[in-house]
């Protein structure tokens, strides 16, 4: 074990449990809790000799930032998606990247279902109308979920958790995931379909659970919306950019899409765009993982994973 005292920088606001776990380690690393540093200030801090960097989604770990950190050994992403980290640059510089993919599964799955209920039963419209003094009982006709088909685009941890909850509601669940064999999809509660087109043709609800990559950017675009059933509900709680927002808005306006529940956007914050303010869109500010329980689990998981990386131990969730 190295005699150098490790320095671990927390670059984003995190649950205090991350500091507690790090400071309780036998090696007693020095924890630098400095969220919100500007890129230049962050680079200067890393140049001082930081061995571990922990971020959420705000901080962008670029090639230039990695070049400023000659002692950096590991970047920990406190959450699932790593699209804010230049993985190729990290790999080229021998910097490990780890994440905490299991900690937020229940929170995101529950939020996905919350958005689905809100859209299907027009909860936001009903609430706003009643608070404005309107009694719109006859106008606010909803739809039931029992007996309808949920199409999961991506059936990883979160997709599988959504599938279990949807089945309990009496929904039929189909799934498309090119990275999983049909048997794995069945084990996760989804009937496999041959391709995305087959899923879109039969789903009453389409829920996206894939990371943002060059292959998935714009995955639900004009062609995909054209293949969907009229009156479909679209849910996005994974990453902004997977759903083409202009195409979704056009599908809402045409009536192809009944409504949408969105927690993520191509640009965050998105501002009051026509999509965000659309009356048949329920929009939340990337809060699917924002529960007390999930954030505590994330903090514990990423702290232990970063410590394991610094010790040279086997890793549970190595990305690079």
Protein backbone atom coordinates (compact mmCIF):
# COMPACT_ATOMS: atom_id res chain seq x y z
CA UNK A 1 0.00 0.00 0.00
CA UNK A 2 1.28 3.46 -0.88
CA UNK A 3 2.42 5.65 2.03
CA UNK A 4 1.17 8.75 0.18
CA UNK A 5 -1.88 10.22 1.84
CA UNK A 6 -4.61 10.18 -0.76
CA UNK A 7 -6.44 13.36 -1.64
CA UNK A 8 -10.03 12.96 -2.82
CA UNK A 9 -11.88 15.94 -4.27
CA UNK A 10 -15.68 16.16 -4.15
CA UNK A 11 -16.42 18.47 -7.09
CA UNK A 12 -20.23 18.43 -6.86
CA UNK A 13 -22.68 18.65 -3.99
CA UNK A 14 -23.06 15.18 -2.51
CA UNK A 15 -24.76 13.49 0.41
CA UNK A 16 -22.59 13.86 3.55
CA UNK A 17 -22.33 10.09 3.77
CA UNK A 18 -19.63 10.13 1.09
CA UNK A 19 -17.33 12.16 3.34
CA UNK A 20 -18.13 9.93 6.34
CA UNK A 21 -17.18 6.75 4.47
CA UNK A 22 -13.98 8.22 3.07
CA UNK A 23 -12.82 9.65 6.38
CA UNK A 24 -13.56 6.38 8.19
CA UNK A 25 -11.15 4.48 5.91
CA UNK A 26 -7.96 3.22 7.59
CA UNK A 27 -5.86 5.26 5.15
CA UNK A 28 -7.51 8.50 6.35
CA UNK A 29 -7.58 10.23 2.96
CA UNK A 30 -7.75 14.01 2.87
CA UNK A 31 -11.24 14.88 1.63
CA UNK A 32 -11.58 18.18 -0.25
CA UNK A 33 -15.27 19.08 -0.31
CA UNK A 34 -15.41 21.92 -2.85
CA UNK A 35 -18.54 21.76 -5.00
CA UNK A 36 -19.17 24.29 -7.73
CA UNK A 37 -15.60 25.18 -8.72
CA UNK A 38 -15.29 26.85 -12.12
CA UNK A 39 -13.36 24.74 -14.69
CA UNK A 40 -10.13 26.74 -14.30
CA UNK A 41 -10.28 26.60 -10.51
CA UNK A 42 -11.05 22.88 -10.62
CA UNK A 43 -8.10 22.25 -12.92
CA UNK A 44 -5.81 24.20 -10.60
CA UNK A 45 -7.05 22.19 -7.62
CA UNK A 46 -6.47 18.90 -9.41
CA UNK A 47 -2.95 19.99 -10.35
CA UNK A 48 -2.10 20.26 -6.65
CA UNK A 49 -2.07 16.47 -6.37
CA UNK A 50 -5.54 14.95 -6.27
CA UNK A 51 -5.74 11.15 -6.50
CA UNK A 52 -9.51 10.66 -6.58
CA UNK A 53 -12.23 12.87 -8.08
CA UNK A 54 -15.94 12.36 -7.35
CA UNK A 55 -18.57 14.13 -9.46
CA UNK A 56 -22.28 14.03 -10.16
CA UNK A 57 -23.66 15.23 -13.51
CA UNK A 58 -22.76 18.93 -13.28
CA UNK A 59 -18.99 18.70 -13.55
CA UNK A 60 -17.65 17.81 -16.98
CA UNK A 61 -14.48 15.76 -16.83
CA UNK A 62 -12.84 16.68 -20.11
CA UNK A 63 -9.51 15.72 -21.67
CA UNK A 64 -8.17 19.16 -20.72
CA UNK A 65 -9.23 18.67 -17.12
CA UNK A 66 -7.56 15.26 -17.01
CA UNK A 67 -4.37 16.77 -18.46
CA UNK A 68 -4.29 19.11 -15.45
CA UNK A 69 -4.39 16.18 -13.01
CA UNK A 70 -1.11 14.26 -13.24
CA UNK A 71 -1.72 12.36 -9.97
CA UNK A 72 -5.34 11.45 -10.64
CA UNK A 73 -6.01 7.71 -10.47
CA UNK A 74 -9.78 7.42 -10.44
CA UNK A 75 -12.91 9.41 -11.28
CA UNK A 76 -16.05 8.36 -9.45
CA UNK A 77 -19.44 9.24 -10.91
CA UNK A 78 -21.98 9.42 -8.09
CA UNK A 79 -24.82 7.98 -10.16
CA UNK A 80 -25.31 5.97 -13.32
CA UNK A 81 -24.67 7.94 -16.51
CA UNK A 82 -21.08 8.82 -17.41
CA UNK A 83 -21.74 10.99 -20.46
CA UNK A 84 -20.17 13.96 -18.63
CA UNK A 85 -16.82 12.13 -18.49
CA UNK A 86 -14.50 11.77 -21.48
CA UNK A 87 -13.98 8.01 -21.21
CA UNK A 88 -11.52 7.78 -24.11
CA UNK A 89 -9.36 10.49 -22.56
CA UNK A 90 -9.46 8.77 -19.18
CA UNK A 91 -8.51 5.44 -20.73
CA UNK A 92 -5.63 7.01 -22.65
CA UNK A 93 -4.26 8.56 -19.46
CA UNK A 94 -4.67 5.45 -17.34
CA UNK A 95 -7.34 7.02 -15.14
CA UNK A 96 -10.01 4.62 -13.95
CA UNK A 97 -13.69 5.56 -14.05
CA UNK A 98 -16.25 4.00 -11.72
CA UNK A 99 -19.91 4.69 -11.06
CA UNK A 100 -22.73 3.67 -8.71
CA UNK A 101 -25.38 2.16 -10.99
CA UNK A 102 -27.42 0.20 -8.44
CA UNK A 103 -28.13 2.86 -5.85
CA UNK A 104 -30.80 4.84 -7.69
CA UNK A 105 -32.69 1.98 -9.34
CA UNK A 106 -35.78 2.06 -7.13
CA UNK A 107 -35.96 5.86 -7.09
CA UNK A 108 -35.83 6.20 -10.88
CA UNK A 109 -38.25 3.32 -11.43
CA UNK A 110 -40.74 4.87 -9.01
CA UNK A 111 -40.41 8.28 -10.67
CA UNK A 112 -41.00 6.72 -14.08
CA UNK A 113 -44.27 5.26 -12.82
CA UNK A 114 -45.14 8.57 -11.16
CA UNK A 115 -44.78 10.35 -14.51
CA UNK A 116 -46.82 7.64 -16.21
CA UNK A 117 -49.69 8.04 -13.75
CA UNK A 118 -49.48 11.82 -13.99
CA UNK A 119 -49.74 11.76 -17.79
CA UNK A 120 -52.37 9.01 -18.01
CA UNK A 121 -54.65 10.71 -15.48
CA UNK A 122 -53.73 14.32 -16.35
CA UNK A 123 -52.77 15.04 -12.76
CA UNK A 124 -50.81 18.24 -13.40
CA UNK A 125 -53.61 19.79 -15.46
CA UNK A 126 -56.20 18.85 -12.86
CA UNK A 127 -54.13 20.28 -10.02
CA UNK A 128 -53.41 23.55 -11.84
CA UNK A 129 -57.05 23.98 -12.82
CA UNK A 130 -58.41 23.36 -9.35
CA UNK A 131 -55.92 25.77 -7.79
CA UNK A 132 -57.01 28.38 -10.33
CA UNK A 133 -60.63 27.92 -9.28
CA UNK A 134 -61.75 25.71 -12.17
CA UNK A 135 -63.75 22.49 -11.82
CA UNK A 136 -62.93 20.63 -15.05
CA UNK A 137 -64.18 17.16 -14.25
CA UNK A 138 -65.67 16.44 -17.66
CA UNK A 139 -62.72 17.78 -19.67
CA UNK A 140 -60.01 15.83 -17.89
CA UNK A 141 -60.68 12.35 -19.26
CA UNK A 142 -57.84 9.94 -18.52
CA UNK A 143 -56.88 6.42 -19.55
CA UNK A 144 -56.34 3.27 -17.50
CA UNK A 145 -53.04 1.41 -17.52
CA UNK A 146 -54.28 -2.11 -16.77
CA UNK A 147 -54.30 -4.19 -19.94
CA UNK A 148 -52.12 -1.77 -21.89
CA UNK A 149 -48.69 -2.58 -23.31
CA UNK A 150 -45.56 -0.98 -21.91
CA UNK A 151 -42.58 -0.96 -24.28
CA UNK A 152 -39.21 -0.69 -22.58
CA UNK A 153 -36.34 0.64 -24.69
CA UNK A 154 -33.48 -0.73 -22.62
CA UNK A 155 -34.01 -3.40 -19.96
CA UNK A 156 -31.11 -2.90 -17.59
CA UNK A 157 -31.47 -2.48 -13.83
CA UNK A 158 -33.95 0.39 -14.06
CA UNK A 159 -35.87 -1.03 -17.00
CA UNK A 160 -36.29 -4.32 -15.12
CA UNK A 161 -37.47 -2.47 -12.02
CA UNK A 162 -40.05 -0.60 -14.10
CA UNK A 163 -41.16 -3.90 -15.66
CA UNK A 164 -41.86 -5.44 -12.25
CA UNK A 165 -43.93 -2.47 -11.16
CA UNK A 166 -45.83 -2.29 -14.43
CA UNK A 167 -46.70 -5.98 -14.27
CA UNK A 168 -48.20 -5.39 -10.82
CA UNK A 169 -50.49 -2.82 -12.45
CA UNK A 170 -51.75 -5.39 -14.92
CA UNK A 171 -49.74 -4.10 -17.85
CA UNK A 172 -48.21 -6.28 -20.54
CA UNK A 173 -44.48 -5.55 -20.82
CA UNK A 174 -42.34 -5.91 -23.94
CA UNK A 175 -38.69 -4.99 -24.17
CA UNK A 176 -35.98 -4.22 -26.69
CA UNK A 177 -32.33 -4.32 -25.66
CA UNK A 178 -29.69 -5.30 -28.24
CA UNK A 179 -27.19 -5.97 -25.46
CA UNK A 180 -29.25 -8.71 -23.81
CA UNK A 181 -30.32 -12.14 -25.08
CA UNK A 182 -34.05 -12.94 -25.14
CA UNK A 183 -33.76 -15.20 -22.09
CA UNK A 184 -32.35 -12.32 -20.03
CA UNK A 185 -35.22 -10.05 -21.03
CA UNK A 186 -37.73 -12.69 -19.96
CA UNK A 187 -35.96 -13.06 -16.63
CA UNK A 188 -36.29 -9.30 -16.17
CA UNK A 189 -40.02 -9.36 -16.78
CA UNK A 190 -40.20 -8.27 -20.42
CA UNK A 191 -41.31 -10.21 -23.48
CA UNK A 192 -38.52 -9.72 -26.03
CA UNK A 193 -39.23 -8.19 -29.42
CA UNK A 194 -37.06 -8.51 -32.52
CA UNK A 195 -36.25 -4.83 -32.96
CA UNK A 196 -37.20 -1.30 -31.97
CA UNK A 197 -39.71 -1.02 -34.80
CA UNK A 198 -41.62 -4.05 -33.49
CA UNK A 199 -41.75 -2.53 -30.02
CA UNK A 200 -43.00 0.83 -31.25
CA UNK A 201 -45.75 -0.78 -33.32
CA UNK A 202 -47.41 -2.41 -30.30
CA UNK A 203 -46.59 -0.24 -27.26
CA UNK A 204 -49.23 1.98 -25.67
CA UNK A 205 -46.48 3.42 -23.48
CA UNK A 206 -42.84 3.80 -24.56
CA UNK A 207 -40.33 4.25 -21.74
CA UNK A 208 -36.66 4.92 -22.50
CA UNK A 209 -33.94 3.45 -20.26
CA UNK A 210 -30.69 3.61 -22.24
CA UNK A 211 -27.54 5.72 -21.77
CA UNK A 212 -26.72 8.59 -24.09
CA UNK A 213 -24.15 7.37 -26.62
CA UNK A 214 -23.46 8.20 -30.27
CA UNK A 215 -25.68 5.22 -31.15
CA UNK A 216 -28.62 6.25 -28.95
CA UNK A 217 -28.60 10.01 -29.57
CA UNK A 218 -31.88 10.84 -31.30
CA UNK A 219 -32.97 7.19 -31.08
CA UNK A 220 -36.58 8.28 -30.85
CA UNK A 221 -36.69 10.63 -33.80
CA UNK A 222 -39.22 11.42 -36.56
CA UNK A 223 -39.11 7.91 -38.03
CA UNK A 224 -39.62 6.30 -34.63
CA UNK A 225 -42.59 8.52 -33.77
CA UNK A 226 -44.16 7.75 -37.14
CA UNK A 227 -44.12 4.04 -36.24
CA UNK A 228 -45.80 4.53 -32.85
CA UNK A 229 -49.45 3.83 -32.19
CA UNK A 230 -51.73 6.85 -32.16
CA UNK A 231 -52.33 7.94 -28.57
CA UNK A 232 -49.05 6.58 -27.20
CA UNK A 233 -47.51 7.92 -23.98
CA UNK A 234 -43.74 8.59 -24.04
CA UNK A 235 -41.56 8.61 -20.91
CA UNK A 236 -37.97 9.84 -20.62
CA UNK A 237 -36.07 9.36 -17.35
CA UNK A 238 -32.70 8.20 -18.69
CA UNK A 239 -30.69 10.88 -20.49
CA UNK A 240 -31.63 13.94 -22.49
CA UNK A 241 -30.80 13.62 -26.17
CA UNK A 242 -32.05 10.06 -26.59
CA UNK A 243 -35.48 11.46 -27.44
CA UNK A 244 -35.45 14.00 -30.28
CA UNK A 245 -37.32 16.84 -28.60
CA UNK A 246 -38.40 18.54 -31.82
CA UNK A 247 -39.80 15.25 -33.10
CA UNK A 248 -41.62 14.66 -29.83
CA UNK A 249 -43.16 18.14 -29.91
CA UNK A 250 -44.35 17.57 -33.48
CA UNK A 251 -45.86 14.21 -32.48
CA UNK A 252 -47.67 15.87 -29.57
CA UNK A 253 -49.04 18.57 -31.84
CA UNK A 254 -50.22 16.04 -34.42
CA UNK A 255 -51.93 13.91 -31.78
CA UNK A 256 -49.71 10.88 -32.45
CA UNK A 257 -48.48 11.15 -28.84
CA UNK A 258 -51.16 11.47 -26.17
CA UNK A 259 -48.75 12.89 -23.62
CA UNK A 260 -45.18 12.72 -22.35
CA UNK A 261 -43.47 12.53 -18.98
CA UNK A 262 -39.94 13.93 -19.08
CA UNK A 263 -37.31 14.21 -16.37
CA UNK A 264 -34.30 14.74 -18.65
CA UNK A 265 -33.58 17.14 -21.50
CA UNK A 266 -30.97 17.67 -24.19
CA UNK A 267 -30.02 20.94 -22.51
CA UNK A 268 -30.38 21.25 -18.75
CA UNK A 269 -31.95 23.38 -17.51
CA UNK A 270 -34.04 23.61 -20.69
CA UNK A 271 -35.92 26.80 -19.87
CA UNK A 272 -39.61 27.32 -20.72
CA UNK A 273 -39.45 25.73 -24.16
CA UNK A 274 -42.57 24.84 -26.17
CA UNK A 275 -42.02 21.22 -25.16
CA UNK A 276 -41.62 21.90 -21.43
CA UNK A 277 -44.67 24.16 -21.34
CA UNK A 278 -46.85 21.93 -23.52
CA UNK A 279 -50.15 21.18 -21.73
CA UNK A 280 -49.80 17.43 -22.30
CA UNK A 281 -46.24 17.22 -20.99
CA UNK A 282 -45.43 16.59 -17.35
CA UNK A 283 -41.87 17.85 -16.86
CA UNK A 284 -39.60 17.52 -13.82
CA UNK A 285 -36.06 18.93 -13.35
CA UNK A 286 -33.96 15.72 -13.47
CA UNK A 287 -35.14 14.60 -10.02
CA UNK A 288 -35.81 10.90 -10.65
CA UNK A 289 -32.87 9.89 -8.45
CA UNK A 290 -33.47 12.62 -5.90
CA UNK A 291 -34.67 10.70 -2.87
CA UNK A 292 -33.07 10.73 0.54
CA UNK A 293 -32.57 6.98 0.41
CA UNK A 294 -31.08 6.88 -3.08
CA UNK A 295 -28.63 9.71 -2.49
CA UNK A 296 -27.36 8.11 0.70
CA UNK A 297 -26.84 4.79 -1.13
CA UNK A 298 -25.07 6.59 -4.01
CA UNK A 299 -22.73 8.31 -1.57
CA UNK A 300 -21.83 5.07 0.18
CA UNK A 301 -21.40 3.09 -3.03
CA UNK A 302 -19.19 5.61 -4.81
CA UNK A 303 -17.04 6.24 -1.73
CA UNK A 304 -16.36 2.51 -1.31
CA UNK A 305 -15.70 2.10 -5.04
CA UNK A 306 -13.21 4.98 -5.16
CA UNK A 307 -11.41 3.60 -2.10
CA UNK A 308 -11.23 0.19 -3.76
CA UNK A 309 -9.76 1.75 -6.90
CA UNK A 310 -7.12 3.64 -4.91
CA UNK A 311 -6.22 0.41 -3.08
CA UNK A 312 -5.96 -1.55 -6.32
CA UNK A 313 -8.74 -3.90 -5.24
CA UNK A 314 -11.33 -5.57 -7.51
CA UNK A 315 -14.09 -3.19 -8.57
CA UNK A 316 -17.83 -3.81 -8.75
CA UNK A 317 -18.68 -1.07 -11.21
CA UNK A 318 -15.69 -0.27 -13.36
CA UNK A 319 -16.52 1.74 -16.48
CA UNK A 320 -12.92 2.29 -17.66
